[in-house]
Amino acid sequence: MNKKALKNKISSTSKISEKNKIMDEIRAKYAYEILNRLADEDAKISKRIEELAFEYQREVNPDDVADGVFHDLDNLEVEDVWDKSGGTRHGYVDPYELASEMFEDVLEPYLEELRKFQKLSMYEESKLHCMGILKGIYKFEIDATTEFKDWSGDDPHVYFIQVLEEWEKGNKDLNNLDEMHLFIKKNCTKWSQNYLKSK
């Protein structure tokens, strides 16, 4: 290979490497905004983005979601409650309120995913994802043995209802509602009677 061809090859490789760095940076910081702008500018691109989203997000396994929710809740540390509550220079921080905020913070990324599914009119995936969140919260209530659980009080039940109500508001398929009720009856028996009575 002559010097010119070698120089072109190195230049081409460094351009690809630079492009990869830029793409990594985009993925990390600006992907959502860029996709929105592209979608707003061109209907064909908007349609293609939607198709790709369907491909990437089509398979939702409620058991996998449940395991993730349970694992994340079960890893909350009671020491964080003790260290960050009580009298602080900013005033008094109630340990139960702090535990509740920590519980909510764990659930928020899962709720964001649920909202994305509903925004994309992916109602089946939204239902399955919600089932997973509910099952994970219920599993925490039944199976968790951590000290943090003692500080979470009624949070598992409260957030269980909140997640379910948020899903119901965005659900456009009435058949999904019946399936959700059956799921709760089968998988969340301790809470199913109270919930289903109110329906």
N, C-alpha and C. Protein backbone atom coordinates (compact mmCIF):
# COMPACT_ATOMS: atom_id res chain seq x y z
N MET A 1 0.85 -1.19 0.00
CA MET A 1 0.00 0.00 0.00
C MET A 1 0.89 1.24 0.00
N ASN A 2 0.62 2.18 -0.89
CA ASN A 2 1.45 3.38 -0.94
C ASN A 2 1.08 4.36 0.18
N LYS A 3 1.93 5.38 0.36
CA LYS A 3 1.75 6.32 1.48
C LYS A 3 0.42 7.06 1.41
N LYS A 4 0.00 7.44 0.19
CA LYS A 4 -1.24 8.19 0.01
C LYS A 4 -2.45 7.33 0.42
N ALA A 5 -2.46 6.06 -0.03
CA ALA A 5 -3.56 5.14 0.31
C ALA A 5 -3.59 4.89 1.81
N LEU A 6 -2.40 4.74 2.42
CA LEU A 6 -2.32 4.51 3.86
C LEU A 6 -2.84 5.72 4.63
N LYS A 7 -2.45 6.92 4.14
CA LYS A 7 -2.91 8.16 4.79
C LYS A 7 -4.44 8.29 4.70
N ASN A 8 -5.01 7.97 3.52
CA ASN A 8 -6.46 8.02 3.33
C ASN A 8 -7.16 7.02 4.24
N LYS A 9 -6.56 5.83 4.37
CA LYS A 9 -7.16 4.79 5.23
C LYS A 9 -7.17 5.24 6.69
N ILE A 10 -6.04 5.80 7.14
CA ILE A 10 -5.95 6.30 8.53
C ILE A 10 -6.94 7.43 8.74
N SER A 11 -7.02 8.34 7.76
CA SER A 11 -7.95 9.46 7.84
C SER A 11 -9.39 8.97 7.92
N SER A 12 -9.71 7.96 7.09
CA SER A 12 -11.06 7.38 7.07
C SER A 12 -11.38 6.72 8.41
N THR A 13 -10.40 5.98 8.96
CA THR A 13 -10.58 5.31 10.26
C THR A 13 -10.80 6.32 11.37
N SER A 14 -10.03 7.42 11.34
CA SER A 14 -10.18 8.42 12.40
C SER A 14 -11.52 9.13 12.28
N LYS A 15 -12.02 9.31 11.03
CA LYS A 15 -13.35 9.92 10.85
C LYS A 15 -14.44 9.02 11.42
N ILE A 16 -14.31 7.70 11.17
CA ILE A 16 -15.28 6.75 11.72
C ILE A 16 -15.23 6.76 13.24
N SER A 17 -14.00 6.78 13.77
CA SER A 17 -13.82 6.81 15.22
C SER A 17 -14.44 8.08 15.80
N GLU A 18 -14.22 9.22 15.14
CA GLU A 18 -14.79 10.49 15.59
C GLU A 18 -16.33 10.44 15.53
N LYS A 19 -16.85 9.85 14.42
CA LYS A 19 -18.30 9.72 14.27
C LYS A 19 -18.88 8.87 15.40
N ASN A 20 -18.19 7.77 15.75
CA ASN A 20 -18.65 6.90 16.85
C ASN A 20 -18.67 7.65 18.17
N LYS A 21 -17.63 8.48 18.40
CA LYS A 21 -17.59 9.28 19.63
C LYS A 21 -18.79 10.23 19.68
N ILE A 22 -19.07 10.87 18.55
CA ILE A 22 -20.20 11.80 18.49
C ILE A 22 -21.51 11.06 18.74
N MET A 23 -21.66 9.89 18.11
CA MET A 23 -22.88 9.11 18.30
C MET A 23 -23.04 8.67 19.76
N ASP A 24 -21.94 8.29 20.40
CA ASP A 24 -22.00 7.91 21.82
C ASP A 24 -22.44 9.09 22.67
N GLU A 25 -21.91 10.26 22.34
CA GLU A 25 -22.27 11.46 23.07
C GLU A 25 -23.76 11.78 22.87
N ILE A 26 -24.23 11.64 21.63
CA ILE A 26 -25.64 11.88 21.32
C ILE A 26 -26.51 10.91 22.10
N ARG A 27 -26.13 9.63 22.08
CA ARG A 27 -26.92 8.62 22.81
C ARG A 27 -27.06 9.01 24.26
N ALA A 28 -25.98 9.49 24.81
CA ALA A 28 -25.97 9.78 26.23
C ALA A 28 -26.75 11.05 26.58
N LYS A 29 -26.68 12.05 25.73
CA LYS A 29 -27.22 13.35 26.14
C LYS A 29 -28.42 13.85 25.37
N TYR A 30 -28.38 13.77 24.02
CA TYR A 30 -29.33 14.54 23.23
C TYR A 30 -30.25 13.72 22.33
N ALA A 31 -30.20 12.42 22.45
CA ALA A 31 -30.92 11.56 21.50
C ALA A 31 -32.41 11.91 21.42
N TYR A 32 -33.05 12.07 22.55
CA TYR A 32 -34.49 12.33 22.58
C TYR A 32 -34.84 13.63 21.85
N GLU A 33 -34.07 14.70 22.15
CA GLU A 33 -34.35 15.99 21.53
C GLU A 33 -34.12 15.94 20.02
N ILE A 34 -33.04 15.26 19.61
CA ILE A 34 -32.72 15.17 18.17
C ILE A 34 -33.81 14.39 17.44
N LEU A 35 -34.25 13.27 18.02
CA LEU A 35 -35.32 12.49 17.40
C LEU A 35 -36.59 13.32 17.26
N ASN A 36 -36.92 14.06 18.29
CA ASN A 36 -38.13 14.91 18.24
C ASN A 36 -38.03 15.95 17.13
N ARG A 37 -36.87 16.58 17.01
CA ARG A 37 -36.70 17.60 15.95
C ARG A 37 -36.79 16.98 14.57
N LEU A 38 -36.13 15.82 14.39
CA LEU A 38 -36.19 15.14 13.10
C LEU A 38 -37.63 14.75 12.76
N ALA A 39 -38.34 14.23 13.75
CA ALA A 39 -39.73 13.81 13.53
C ALA A 39 -40.61 14.99 13.17
N ASP A 40 -40.38 16.14 13.81
CA ASP A 40 -41.16 17.34 13.51
C ASP A 40 -40.89 17.87 12.10
N GLU A 41 -39.65 17.68 11.63
CA GLU A 41 -39.25 18.23 10.34
C GLU A 41 -39.68 17.38 9.14
N ASP A 42 -39.85 16.07 9.35
CA ASP A 42 -40.10 15.20 8.21
C ASP A 42 -41.03 14.04 8.61
N ALA A 43 -42.18 13.96 7.95
CA ALA A 43 -43.18 12.92 8.28
C ALA A 43 -42.64 11.51 8.03
N LYS A 44 -41.83 11.34 6.97
CA LYS A 44 -41.27 10.02 6.68
C LYS A 44 -40.31 9.58 7.77
N ILE A 45 -39.49 10.51 8.24
CA ILE A 45 -38.56 10.20 9.33
C ILE A 45 -39.34 9.89 10.60
N SER A 46 -40.39 10.67 10.84
CA SER A 46 -41.23 10.43 12.02
C SER A 46 -41.81 9.02 12.01
N LYS A 47 -42.30 8.60 10.84
CA LYS A 47 -42.87 7.26 10.69
C LYS A 47 -41.80 6.19 10.92
N ARG A 48 -40.59 6.42 10.39
CA ARG A 48 -39.50 5.46 10.54
C ARG A 48 -39.06 5.36 12.01
N ILE A 49 -39.02 6.47 12.71
CA ILE A 49 -38.67 6.47 14.13
C ILE A 49 -39.68 5.62 14.91
N GLU A 50 -40.96 5.80 14.57
CA GLU A 50 -42.01 5.02 15.21
C GLU A 50 -41.83 3.53 14.94
N GLU A 51 -41.51 3.17 13.69
CA GLU A 51 -41.30 1.76 13.35
C GLU A 51 -40.13 1.17 14.13
N LEU A 52 -39.05 1.93 14.23
CA LEU A 52 -37.88 1.45 14.98
C LEU A 52 -38.20 1.30 16.46
N ALA A 53 -38.98 2.23 16.99
CA ALA A 53 -39.37 2.14 18.40
C ALA A 53 -40.16 0.86 18.65
N PHE A 54 -41.06 0.52 17.72
CA PHE A 54 -41.82 -0.73 17.84
C PHE A 54 -40.89 -1.94 17.86
N GLU A 55 -39.88 -1.91 16.98
CA GLU A 55 -38.94 -3.04 16.92
C GLU A 55 -38.17 -3.21 18.22
N TYR A 56 -37.69 -2.09 18.75
CA TYR A 56 -36.87 -2.15 19.95
C TYR A 56 -37.67 -2.45 21.21
N GLN A 57 -38.92 -2.03 21.23
CA GLN A 57 -39.67 -2.11 22.47
C GLN A 57 -40.81 -3.12 22.43
N ARG A 58 -40.85 -3.94 21.41
CA ARG A 58 -41.99 -4.82 21.24
C ARG A 58 -42.13 -5.85 22.36
N GLU A 59 -41.04 -6.50 22.74
CA GLU A 59 -41.13 -7.58 23.72
C GLU A 59 -41.01 -7.05 25.14
N VAL A 60 -42.06 -7.23 25.91
CA VAL A 60 -42.05 -6.86 27.32
C VAL A 60 -42.43 -8.10 28.11
N ASN A 61 -41.57 -8.48 29.02
CA ASN A 61 -41.84 -9.64 29.87
C ASN A 61 -42.15 -9.15 31.28
N PRO A 62 -43.41 -9.30 31.73
CA PRO A 62 -43.77 -8.81 33.06
C PRO A 62 -42.90 -9.38 34.19
N ASP A 63 -42.48 -10.64 34.05
CA ASP A 63 -41.65 -11.24 35.10
C ASP A 63 -40.28 -10.57 35.18
N ASP A 64 -39.73 -10.21 34.02
CA ASP A 64 -38.44 -9.50 34.03
C ASP A 64 -38.58 -8.12 34.67
N VAL A 65 -39.67 -7.43 34.33
CA VAL A 65 -39.92 -6.11 34.92
C VAL A 65 -40.10 -6.26 36.43
N ALA A 66 -40.89 -7.25 36.85
CA ALA A 66 -41.15 -7.49 38.27
C ALA A 66 -39.84 -7.77 39.02
N ASP A 67 -38.99 -8.58 38.43
CA ASP A 67 -37.70 -8.90 39.07
C ASP A 67 -36.86 -7.64 39.23
N GLY A 68 -36.87 -6.78 38.20
CA GLY A 68 -36.12 -5.53 38.28
C GLY A 68 -36.64 -4.61 39.37
N VAL A 69 -37.97 -4.45 39.43
CA VAL A 69 -38.59 -3.59 40.45
C VAL A 69 -38.27 -4.14 41.84
N PHE A 70 -38.48 -5.44 42.02
CA PHE A 70 -38.21 -6.04 43.34
C PHE A 70 -36.75 -5.86 43.73
N HIS A 71 -35.85 -6.14 42.82
CA HIS A 71 -34.41 -6.04 43.10
C HIS A 71 -34.04 -4.60 43.50
N ASP A 72 -34.55 -3.63 42.75
CA ASP A 72 -34.23 -2.22 43.04
C ASP A 72 -34.80 -1.78 44.38
N LEU A 73 -36.02 -2.20 44.70
CA LEU A 73 -36.61 -1.85 45.99
C LEU A 73 -35.90 -2.57 47.13
N ASP A 74 -35.57 -3.82 46.90
CA ASP A 74 -34.93 -4.64 47.93
C ASP A 74 -33.52 -4.16 48.25
N ASN A 75 -32.92 -3.41 47.32
CA ASN A 75 -31.56 -2.89 47.54
C ASN A 75 -31.54 -1.52 48.20
N LEU A 76 -32.71 -0.96 48.51
CA LEU A 76 -32.73 0.31 49.23
C LEU A 76 -32.14 0.08 50.63
N GLU A 77 -31.30 1.00 51.05
CA GLU A 77 -30.57 0.84 52.31
C GLU A 77 -31.21 1.67 53.42
N VAL A 78 -31.52 1.02 54.52
CA VAL A 78 -32.11 1.73 55.66
C VAL A 78 -31.12 2.76 56.22
N GLU A 79 -29.81 2.49 56.06
CA GLU A 79 -28.80 3.44 56.54
C GLU A 79 -28.96 4.80 55.86
N ASP A 80 -29.41 4.81 54.60
CA ASP A 80 -29.65 6.08 53.91
C ASP A 80 -30.77 6.86 54.59
N VAL A 81 -31.77 6.14 55.07
CA VAL A 81 -32.87 6.79 55.80
C VAL A 81 -32.31 7.38 57.09
N TRP A 82 -31.54 6.60 57.83
CA TRP A 82 -31.00 7.07 59.10
C TRP A 82 -30.05 8.24 58.92
N ASP A 83 -29.18 8.16 57.89
CA ASP A 83 -28.17 9.20 57.68
C ASP A 83 -28.76 10.52 57.22
N LYS A 84 -29.84 10.46 56.45
CA LYS A 84 -30.34 11.68 55.81
C LYS A 84 -31.61 12.24 56.46
N SER A 85 -32.09 11.59 57.52
CA SER A 85 -33.31 12.08 58.17
C SER A 85 -32.98 12.64 59.55
N GLY A 86 -34.01 13.18 60.21
CA GLY A 86 -33.82 13.80 61.52
C GLY A 86 -33.49 15.26 61.35
N GLY A 87 -32.85 15.83 62.35
CA GLY A 87 -32.49 17.24 62.30
C GLY A 87 -31.33 17.47 61.35
N THR A 88 -31.53 18.39 60.42
CA THR A 88 -30.46 18.76 59.49
C THR A 88 -30.34 20.28 59.51
N ARG A 89 -29.33 20.81 58.85
CA ARG A 89 -29.18 22.27 58.83
C ARG A 89 -30.29 22.93 58.03
N HIS A 90 -31.03 22.12 57.24
CA HIS A 90 -32.15 22.65 56.45
C HIS A 90 -33.50 22.41 57.13
N GLY A 91 -33.46 21.91 58.35
CA GLY A 91 -34.69 21.62 59.08
C GLY A 91 -34.85 20.13 59.33
N TYR A 92 -36.01 19.75 59.82
CA TYR A 92 -36.24 18.35 60.17
C TYR A 92 -36.70 17.55 58.93
N VAL A 93 -36.11 16.38 58.75
CA VAL A 93 -36.50 15.48 57.67
C VAL A 93 -37.10 14.24 58.30
N ASP A 94 -38.38 14.03 58.03
CA ASP A 94 -39.07 12.87 58.59
C ASP A 94 -38.56 11.58 57.93
N PRO A 95 -38.14 10.58 58.71
CA PRO A 95 -37.58 9.36 58.12
C PRO A 95 -38.59 8.59 57.26
N TYR A 96 -39.86 8.63 57.65
CA TYR A 96 -40.87 7.91 56.86
C TYR A 96 -41.11 8.60 55.52
N GLU A 97 -41.10 9.94 55.54
CA GLU A 97 -41.25 10.69 54.28
C GLU A 97 -40.05 10.46 53.37
N LEU A 98 -38.86 10.41 53.97
CA LEU A 98 -37.66 10.16 53.17
C LEU A 98 -37.71 8.76 52.56
N ALA A 99 -38.12 7.77 53.35
CA ALA A 99 -38.24 6.40 52.84
C ALA A 99 -39.24 6.36 51.69
N SER A 100 -40.32 7.11 51.81
CA SER A 100 -41.34 7.17 50.76
C SER A 100 -40.76 7.78 49.48
N GLU A 101 -39.97 8.84 49.63
CA GLU A 101 -39.34 9.47 48.46
C GLU A 101 -38.38 8.50 47.79
N MET A 102 -37.62 7.76 48.58
CA MET A 102 -36.68 6.77 48.02
C MET A 102 -37.44 5.69 47.25
N PHE A 103 -38.56 5.25 47.81
CA PHE A 103 -39.40 4.24 47.16
C PHE A 103 -39.88 4.77 45.81
N GLU A 104 -40.37 6.01 45.83
CA GLU A 104 -40.89 6.64 44.61
C GLU A 104 -39.78 6.81 43.57
N ASP A 105 -38.58 7.19 44.01
CA ASP A 105 -37.46 7.38 43.09
C ASP A 105 -37.10 6.09 42.35
N VAL A 106 -37.22 4.96 43.05
CA VAL A 106 -36.93 3.67 42.42
C VAL A 106 -37.95 3.38 41.33
N LEU A 107 -39.22 3.71 41.58
CA LEU A 107 -40.28 3.40 40.62
C LEU A 107 -40.31 4.33 39.42
N GLU A 108 -39.77 5.53 39.56
CA GLU A 108 -39.91 6.55 38.51
C GLU A 108 -39.40 6.11 37.14
N PRO A 109 -38.21 5.49 37.01
CA PRO A 109 -37.78 5.06 35.67
C PRO A 109 -38.73 4.04 35.04
N TYR A 110 -39.32 3.18 35.87
CA TYR A 110 -40.28 2.20 35.36
C TYR A 110 -41.56 2.89 34.88
N LEU A 111 -41.96 3.92 35.61
CA LEU A 111 -43.15 4.68 35.20
C LEU A 111 -42.88 5.48 33.92
N GLU A 112 -41.67 5.99 33.78
CA GLU A 112 -41.30 6.70 32.56
C GLU A 112 -41.43 5.78 31.35
N GLU A 113 -40.98 4.54 31.50
CA GLU A 113 -41.08 3.56 30.42
C GLU A 113 -42.56 3.29 30.10
N LEU A 114 -43.37 3.16 31.12
CA LEU A 114 -44.81 2.95 30.95
C LEU A 114 -45.43 4.10 30.16
N ARG A 115 -45.06 5.33 30.51
CA ARG A 115 -45.59 6.51 29.81
C ARG A 115 -45.16 6.52 28.34
N LYS A 116 -43.91 6.10 28.10
CA LYS A 116 -43.42 6.05 26.71
C LYS A 116 -44.26 5.09 25.88
N PHE A 117 -44.54 3.91 26.43
CA PHE A 117 -45.37 2.94 25.71
C PHE A 117 -46.73 3.53 25.38
N GLN A 118 -47.33 4.21 26.34
CA GLN A 118 -48.66 4.77 26.11
C GLN A 118 -48.60 5.91 25.10
N LYS A 119 -47.54 6.70 25.16
CA LYS A 119 -47.38 7.80 24.21
C LYS A 119 -47.26 7.28 22.78
N LEU A 120 -46.64 6.11 22.62
CA LEU A 120 -46.47 5.49 21.30
C LEU A 120 -47.67 4.62 20.92
N SER A 121 -48.73 4.68 21.71
CA SER A 121 -49.94 3.86 21.50
C SER A 121 -49.62 2.37 21.52
N MET A 122 -48.65 1.98 22.32
CA MET A 122 -48.27 0.57 22.47
C MET A 122 -48.98 0.04 23.72
N TYR A 123 -50.29 -0.15 23.59
CA TYR A 123 -51.11 -0.45 24.76
C TYR A 123 -50.87 -1.85 25.32
N GLU A 124 -50.57 -2.80 24.47
CA GLU A 124 -50.26 -4.15 24.94
C GLU A 124 -48.97 -4.14 25.77
N GLU A 125 -47.94 -3.48 25.25
CA GLU A 125 -46.67 -3.39 25.96
C GLU A 125 -46.83 -2.62 27.26
N SER A 126 -47.63 -1.57 27.20
CA SER A 126 -47.91 -0.77 28.39
C SER A 126 -48.57 -1.62 29.47
N LYS A 127 -49.53 -2.44 29.07
CA LYS A 127 -50.22 -3.33 30.02
C LYS A 127 -49.24 -4.31 30.66
N LEU A 128 -48.42 -4.96 29.82
CA LEU A 128 -47.46 -5.94 30.32
C LEU A 128 -46.43 -5.30 31.25
N HIS A 129 -45.99 -4.10 30.88
CA HIS A 129 -45.02 -3.38 31.71
C HIS A 129 -45.64 -3.02 33.06
N CYS A 130 -46.87 -2.55 33.03
CA CYS A 130 -47.57 -2.22 34.27
C CYS A 130 -47.74 -3.46 35.16
N MET A 131 -48.12 -4.57 34.54
CA MET A 131 -48.24 -5.82 35.30
C MET A 131 -46.93 -6.15 36.02
N GLY A 132 -45.83 -5.95 35.32
CA GLY A 132 -44.52 -6.21 35.92
C GLY A 132 -44.23 -5.30 37.10
N ILE A 133 -44.53 -4.02 36.95
CA ILE A 133 -44.30 -3.07 38.05
C ILE A 133 -45.13 -3.48 39.26
N LEU A 134 -46.41 -3.77 39.02
CA LEU A 134 -47.30 -4.14 40.12
C LEU A 134 -46.83 -5.41 40.82
N LYS A 135 -46.44 -6.39 40.02
CA LYS A 135 -45.98 -7.65 40.58
C LYS A 135 -44.70 -7.46 41.41
N GLY A 136 -43.82 -6.59 40.93
CA GLY A 136 -42.58 -6.30 41.66
C GLY A 136 -42.85 -5.61 42.98
N ILE A 137 -43.77 -4.64 42.99
CA ILE A 137 -44.13 -3.95 44.24
C ILE A 137 -44.76 -4.95 45.21
N TYR A 138 -45.66 -5.77 44.70
CA TYR A 138 -46.34 -6.75 45.55
C TYR A 138 -45.33 -7.76 46.12
N LYS A 139 -44.40 -8.19 45.30
CA LYS A 139 -43.37 -9.13 45.75
C LYS A 139 -42.54 -8.51 46.88
N PHE A 140 -42.25 -7.20 46.74
CA PHE A 140 -41.51 -6.51 47.81
C PHE A 140 -42.32 -6.54 49.10
N GLU A 141 -43.61 -6.26 49.00
CA GLU A 141 -44.48 -6.27 50.19
C GLU A 141 -44.49 -7.65 50.86
N ILE A 142 -44.54 -8.70 50.07
CA ILE A 142 -44.69 -10.06 50.60
C ILE A 142 -43.35 -10.67 50.99
N ASP A 143 -42.32 -10.49 50.15
CA ASP A 143 -41.08 -11.25 50.31
C ASP A 143 -39.90 -10.50 50.91
N ALA A 144 -39.92 -9.17 50.87
CA ALA A 144 -38.74 -8.43 51.33
C ALA A 144 -38.55 -8.60 52.84
N THR A 145 -37.31 -8.74 53.23
CA THR A 145 -36.99 -8.90 54.66
C THR A 145 -36.00 -7.84 55.12
N THR A 146 -35.80 -6.81 54.32
CA THR A 146 -34.82 -5.78 54.66
C THR A 146 -35.38 -4.85 55.72
N GLU A 147 -34.47 -4.17 56.42
CA GLU A 147 -34.90 -3.19 57.42
C GLU A 147 -35.59 -2.01 56.77
N PHE A 148 -35.21 -1.70 55.53
CA PHE A 148 -35.85 -0.58 54.84
C PHE A 148 -37.35 -0.80 54.75
N LYS A 149 -37.76 -2.04 54.54
CA LYS A 149 -39.19 -2.33 54.40
C LYS A 149 -39.98 -1.85 55.63
N ASP A 150 -39.37 -1.95 56.81
CA ASP A 150 -40.04 -1.51 58.03
C ASP A 150 -40.34 0.00 58.01
N TRP A 151 -39.51 0.74 57.28
CA TRP A 151 -39.69 2.18 57.19
C TRP A 151 -40.59 2.59 56.03
N SER A 152 -40.89 1.65 55.16
CA SER A 152 -41.69 2.01 53.98
C SER A 152 -43.19 2.06 54.29
N GLY A 153 -43.59 1.53 55.44
CA GLY A 153 -44.98 1.63 55.88
C GLY A 153 -45.97 1.14 54.84
N ASP A 154 -46.92 2.02 54.46
CA ASP A 154 -47.95 1.67 53.48
C ASP A 154 -47.51 1.96 52.04
N ASP A 155 -46.27 2.40 51.86
CA ASP A 155 -45.83 2.80 50.52
C ASP A 155 -46.06 1.74 49.45
N PRO A 156 -45.74 0.46 49.71
CA PRO A 156 -45.97 -0.51 48.64
C PRO A 156 -47.42 -0.50 48.14
N HIS A 157 -48.37 -0.48 49.06
CA HIS A 157 -49.78 -0.48 48.66
C HIS A 157 -50.17 0.83 47.99
N VAL A 158 -49.71 1.93 48.55
CA VAL A 158 -50.04 3.26 48.00
C VAL A 158 -49.52 3.39 46.57
N TYR A 159 -48.27 3.01 46.36
CA TYR A 159 -47.69 3.14 45.01
C TYR A 159 -48.25 2.10 44.05
N PHE A 160 -48.62 0.95 44.55
CA PHE A 160 -49.30 -0.06 43.74
C PHE A 160 -50.55 0.56 43.11
N ILE A 161 -51.37 1.19 43.94
CA ILE A 161 -52.61 1.83 43.47
C ILE A 161 -52.29 2.98 42.52
N GLN A 162 -51.28 3.81 42.85
CA GLN A 162 -50.94 4.94 42.00
C GLN A 162 -50.48 4.50 40.61
N VAL A 163 -49.64 3.46 40.57
CA VAL A 163 -49.16 2.94 39.28
C VAL A 163 -50.34 2.44 38.46
N LEU A 164 -51.20 1.67 39.11
CA LEU A 164 -52.37 1.11 38.43
C LEU A 164 -53.28 2.21 37.89
N GLU A 165 -53.54 3.22 38.70
CA GLU A 165 -54.41 4.32 38.27
C GLU A 165 -53.79 5.11 37.12
N GLU A 166 -52.47 5.30 37.17
CA GLU A 166 -51.82 6.01 36.07
C GLU A 166 -51.94 5.21 34.78
N TRP A 167 -51.73 3.90 34.88
CA TRP A 167 -51.88 3.06 33.68
C TRP A 167 -53.32 3.12 33.15
N GLU A 168 -54.29 3.04 34.04
CA GLU A 168 -55.70 3.06 33.62
C GLU A 168 -56.05 4.34 32.87
N LYS A 169 -55.51 5.47 33.34
CA LYS A 169 -55.79 6.75 32.67
C LYS A 169 -55.31 6.75 31.23
N GLY A 170 -54.17 6.12 30.97
CA GLY A 170 -53.60 6.13 29.62
C GLY A 170 -54.03 4.95 28.77
N ASN A 171 -54.71 3.98 29.36
CA ASN A 171 -55.12 2.79 28.61
C ASN A 171 -56.33 3.09 27.73
N LYS A 172 -56.25 2.71 26.47
CA LYS A 172 -57.35 2.96 25.52
C LYS A 172 -58.04 1.66 25.09
N ASP A 173 -57.62 0.54 25.63
CA ASP A 173 -58.17 -0.76 25.23
C ASP A 173 -58.89 -1.39 26.41
N LEU A 174 -60.22 -1.47 26.34
CA LEU A 174 -61.01 -1.99 27.45
C LEU A 174 -60.71 -3.46 27.75
N ASN A 175 -60.32 -4.23 26.74
CA ASN A 175 -59.95 -5.63 26.98
C ASN A 175 -58.75 -5.73 27.92
N ASN A 176 -57.85 -4.77 27.79
CA ASN A 176 -56.67 -4.76 28.67
C ASN A 176 -57.07 -4.59 30.14
N LEU A 177 -58.14 -3.85 30.36
CA LEU A 177 -58.62 -3.62 31.73
C LEU A 177 -59.05 -4.93 32.37
N ASP A 178 -59.82 -5.74 31.63
CA ASP A 178 -60.25 -7.04 32.14
C ASP A 178 -59.06 -7.95 32.42
N GLU A 179 -58.09 -7.94 31.50
CA GLU A 179 -56.89 -8.76 31.69
C GLU A 179 -56.11 -8.31 32.93
N MET A 180 -56.05 -7.00 33.15
CA MET A 180 -55.33 -6.47 34.31
C MET A 180 -56.02 -6.91 35.60
N HIS A 181 -57.34 -6.87 35.62
CA HIS A 181 -58.07 -7.29 36.82
C HIS A 181 -57.81 -8.77 37.13
N LEU A 182 -57.82 -9.60 36.10
CA LEU A 182 -57.52 -11.02 36.28
C LEU A 182 -56.10 -11.23 36.78
N PHE A 183 -55.18 -10.46 36.23
CA PHE A 183 -53.78 -10.55 36.63
C PHE A 183 -53.62 -10.22 38.12
N ILE A 184 -54.26 -9.14 38.54
CA ILE A 184 -54.16 -8.72 39.94
C ILE A 184 -54.77 -9.78 40.85
N LYS A 185 -55.92 -10.30 40.44
CA LYS A 185 -56.59 -11.33 41.24
C LYS A 185 -55.69 -12.55 41.42
N LYS A 186 -54.98 -12.92 40.37
CA LYS A 186 -54.15 -14.12 40.40
C LYS A 186 -52.79 -13.89 41.09
N ASN A 187 -52.18 -12.72 40.85
CA ASN A 187 -50.81 -12.49 41.28
C ASN A 187 -50.64 -11.59 42.50
N CYS A 188 -51.68 -10.86 42.85
CA CYS A 188 -51.58 -9.91 43.96
C CYS A 188 -52.77 -10.10 44.89
N THR A 189 -52.95 -11.33 45.33
CA THR A 189 -54.19 -11.73 46.01
C THR A 189 -54.48 -10.91 47.27
N LYS A 190 -53.46 -10.57 48.04
CA LYS A 190 -53.66 -9.84 49.29
C LYS A 190 -54.34 -8.49 49.07
N TRP A 191 -54.05 -7.86 47.93
CA TRP A 191 -54.61 -6.54 47.64
C TRP A 191 -55.74 -6.58 46.64
N SER A 192 -55.96 -7.69 45.99
CA SER A 192 -56.92 -7.74 44.89
C SER A 192 -58.34 -7.46 45.34
N GLN A 193 -58.75 -7.99 46.49
CA GLN A 193 -60.15 -7.80 46.93
C GLN A 193 -60.46 -6.33 47.17
N ASN A 194 -59.56 -5.63 47.87
CA ASN A 194 -59.80 -4.21 48.14
C ASN A 194 -59.86 -3.41 46.84
N TYR A 195 -58.93 -3.71 45.93
CA TYR A 195 -58.89 -2.96 44.69
C TYR A 195 -60.11 -3.24 43.82
N LEU A 196 -60.42 -4.53 43.63
CA LEU A 196 -61.48 -4.89 42.72
C LEU A 196 -62.86 -4.51 43.25
N LYS A 197 -63.02 -4.42 44.58
CA LYS A 197 -64.28 -3.97 45.17
C LYS A 197 -64.59 -2.54 44.75
N SER A 198 -63.52 -1.73 44.66
CA SER A 198 -63.73 -0.32 44.33
C SER A 198 -64.04 -0.09 42.85
N LYS A 199 -63.95 -1.14 42.03
CA LYS A 199 -64.18 -0.99 40.59
C LYS A 199 -65.63 -1.28 40.24
